[in-house]
């Protein structure tokens, strides 16, 4: 799939088929994440892939808006070392992974991590050392739903030339 097509058609998918995701696909998705833009090339990220059903259910139970993680075949959890731009770097990596999943014909959904009450609990549960911040939990799988682009603001509404409102 062409990169722009993946960007234009990516949607948050919260219902997945039970079919497992191939390890090679997960590796491609994480590889896309590690290639994200990063301040000063610090690359502060670490990725934990959860395919174990019991662990996905435990994680889903801890989150507020990520209950569907329990039914996804895989969850990619992104952590970043606590650096000045950890949130920007980790968010760029997460976005790359969402687009990569779409390009591979998979569905995904980003569940927030940073600033969430459960962030520290997830860090400890996954054995991640202190000094790392939870950025995102990304459910990944074969989509069992299809979503349209409805609700997206048009380019005309958001694009300004030379100055805001211009």
Protein backbone atom coordinates (compact mmCIF):
# COMPACT_ATOMS: atom_id res chain seq x y z
CA UNK A 1 0.00 0.00 0.00
CA UNK A 2 1.29 3.46 -0.90
CA UNK A 3 2.29 5.59 2.12
CA UNK A 4 -0.29 8.31 1.46
CA UNK A 5 -3.05 5.73 1.05
CA UNK A 6 -2.12 4.24 4.44
CA UNK A 7 -2.25 7.71 5.99
CA UNK A 8 -5.54 8.65 4.35
CA UNK A 9 -7.28 5.38 5.25
CA UNK A 10 -5.92 4.73 8.76
CA UNK A 11 -8.70 4.56 11.36
CA UNK A 12 -8.89 3.50 14.99
CA UNK A 13 -10.01 -0.14 15.04
CA UNK A 14 -11.33 -1.56 18.30
CA UNK A 15 -12.74 -4.90 17.16
CA UNK A 16 -10.43 -7.64 15.97
CA UNK A 17 -10.65 -11.14 14.55
CA UNK A 18 -9.14 -13.87 16.72
CA UNK A 19 -6.48 -14.67 14.09
CA UNK A 20 -2.95 -14.10 15.38
CA UNK A 21 -0.73 -11.46 13.82
CA UNK A 22 2.43 -12.83 12.24
CA UNK A 23 5.59 -12.16 14.22
CA UNK A 24 7.22 -10.71 11.09
CA UNK A 25 4.38 -8.17 10.79
CA UNK A 26 4.78 -7.11 14.42
CA UNK A 27 8.50 -6.72 13.83
CA UNK A 28 7.84 -4.56 10.74
CA UNK A 29 5.45 -2.37 12.75
CA UNK A 30 7.93 -1.90 15.61
CA UNK A 31 10.71 -1.28 13.10
CA UNK A 32 8.63 1.57 11.64
CA UNK A 33 8.29 2.93 15.18
CA UNK A 34 12.02 2.87 15.85
CA UNK A 35 12.62 4.81 12.61
CA UNK A 36 10.49 7.77 13.77
CA UNK A 37 11.78 11.31 14.01
CA UNK A 38 13.49 11.93 17.36
CA UNK A 39 14.92 15.02 19.03
CA UNK A 40 18.73 15.03 18.89
CA UNK A 41 18.54 11.44 17.62
CA UNK A 42 18.19 10.25 21.23
CA UNK A 43 15.83 7.40 20.27
CA UNK A 44 14.55 7.07 23.86
CA UNK A 45 12.01 4.38 23.03
CA UNK A 46 11.59 0.77 24.05
CA UNK A 47 8.75 -1.45 22.81
CA UNK A 48 7.16 -4.35 24.67
CA UNK A 49 4.97 -6.66 22.57
CA UNK A 50 2.26 -8.52 24.46
CA UNK A 51 0.67 -11.51 22.72
CA UNK A 52 -0.15 -13.51 25.87
CA UNK A 53 -3.94 -13.40 26.30
CA UNK A 54 -3.87 -13.35 30.10
CA UNK A 55 -1.47 -10.39 30.14
CA UNK A 56 -3.52 -8.50 27.52
CA UNK A 57 -6.62 -9.02 29.68
CA UNK A 58 -4.75 -7.77 32.74
CA UNK A 59 -3.58 -4.66 30.88
CA UNK A 60 -7.06 -4.05 29.47
CA UNK A 61 -8.50 -4.26 32.97
CA UNK A 62 -6.09 -1.60 34.23
CA UNK A 63 -6.87 0.94 31.48
CA UNK A 64 -9.89 3.21 31.35
CA UNK A 65 -10.48 3.31 27.57
CA UNK A 66 -8.51 0.25 26.42
CA UNK A 67 -10.80 -2.65 27.33
CA UNK A 68 -10.64 -3.89 23.71
CA UNK A 69 -6.93 -4.71 24.20
CA UNK A 70 -8.14 -7.97 25.77
CA UNK A 71 -9.52 -9.10 22.38
CA UNK A 72 -6.68 -7.85 20.20
CA UNK A 73 -4.16 -10.52 19.20
CA UNK A 74 -1.26 -8.20 20.07
CA UNK A 75 -0.54 -5.05 22.03
CA UNK A 76 2.58 -2.97 21.46
CA UNK A 77 3.48 -0.92 24.50
CA UNK A 78 5.78 2.05 23.97
CA UNK A 79 7.95 3.44 26.75
CA UNK A 80 10.49 6.25 26.54
CA UNK A 81 13.37 7.22 28.76
CA UNK A 82 12.45 10.39 30.58
CA UNK A 83 14.20 12.92 28.33
CA UNK A 84 13.18 16.48 27.48
CA UNK A 85 11.18 15.41 24.41
CA UNK A 86 10.15 11.87 25.44
CA UNK A 87 6.46 12.51 24.71
CA UNK A 88 7.06 13.94 21.25
CA UNK A 89 9.50 11.17 20.35
CA UNK A 90 7.25 8.39 21.66
CA UNK A 91 4.21 9.88 19.94
CA UNK A 92 6.06 10.02 16.62
CA UNK A 93 7.03 6.36 17.04
CA UNK A 94 3.45 5.44 17.90
CA UNK A 95 2.05 7.24 14.85
CA UNK A 96 4.56 5.47 12.60
CA UNK A 97 3.39 2.13 13.99
CA UNK A 98 -0.29 2.97 13.41
CA UNK A 99 0.41 3.79 9.77
CA UNK A 100 2.62 0.72 9.34
CA UNK A 101 -0.15 -1.51 10.70
CA UNK A 102 -2.58 -0.04 8.18
CA UNK A 103 -0.07 -0.47 5.34
CA UNK A 104 0.14 -4.17 6.27
CA UNK A 105 -3.66 -4.52 6.15
CA UNK A 106 -3.99 -4.65 9.93
CA UNK A 107 -6.10 -2.60 12.29
CA UNK A 108 -4.82 -0.74 15.33
CA UNK A 109 -5.86 1.69 18.02
CA UNK A 110 -3.77 3.97 20.22
CA UNK A 111 -4.60 3.96 23.92
CA UNK A 112 -3.07 6.80 25.93
CA UNK A 113 -0.32 6.15 28.43
CA UNK A 114 1.45 9.30 29.53
CA UNK A 115 -0.29 11.20 32.33
CA UNK A 116 -2.74 8.34 32.93
CA UNK A 117 -3.28 7.09 36.49
CA UNK A 118 -2.45 3.54 35.36
CA UNK A 119 0.92 4.42 33.73
CA UNK A 120 3.05 3.45 36.71
CA UNK A 121 1.11 0.21 37.26
CA UNK A 122 1.65 -0.86 33.64
CA UNK A 123 5.35 0.04 33.85
CA UNK A 124 5.78 -2.13 36.94
CA UNK A 125 3.62 -4.97 35.55
CA UNK A 126 5.84 -5.23 32.47
CA UNK A 127 9.10 -5.01 34.41
CA UNK A 128 10.19 -1.75 32.82
CA UNK A 129 12.86 0.06 34.88
CA UNK A 130 12.09 3.34 36.63
CA UNK A 131 12.97 6.37 34.53
CA UNK A 132 10.83 5.22 31.61
CA UNK A 133 7.45 6.78 30.83
CA UNK A 134 4.50 4.93 29.33
CA UNK A 135 3.64 6.62 26.04
CA UNK A 136 1.08 4.35 24.42
CA UNK A 137 -0.56 0.98 24.23
CA UNK A 138 -1.39 0.02 20.64
CA UNK A 139 -3.85 -2.80 20.05
CA UNK A 140 -3.05 -4.58 16.77
CA UNK A 141 -4.89 -7.25 14.83
CA UNK A 142 -6.91 -8.23 11.81
CA UNK A 143 -9.85 -5.82 11.75
CA UNK A 144 -13.33 -7.15 12.49
CA UNK A 145 -14.82 -3.75 11.67
CA UNK A 146 -14.36 -1.08 9.07
CA UNK A 147 -14.41 2.62 9.85
CA UNK A 148 -14.93 5.59 7.54
CA UNK A 149 -13.21 8.95 7.71
CA UNK A 150 -16.39 10.62 8.93
CA UNK A 151 -15.76 13.24 11.54
CA UNK A 152 -12.42 14.44 10.21
CA UNK A 153 -12.23 18.17 9.64
CA UNK A 154 -11.58 19.17 6.05
CA UNK A 155 -8.24 20.50 4.87
CA UNK A 156 -9.94 23.81 4.09
CA UNK A 157 -10.99 24.12 7.75
CA UNK A 158 -7.54 23.55 9.22
CA UNK A 159 -5.06 24.95 6.69
CA UNK A 160 -3.89 28.57 7.09
CA UNK A 161 -1.43 30.31 4.77
CA UNK A 162 1.08 32.83 6.10
CA UNK A 163 -0.90 33.46 9.32
CA UNK A 164 -3.79 32.03 11.28
CA UNK A 165 -7.06 32.81 9.53
CA UNK A 166 -5.20 33.80 6.36
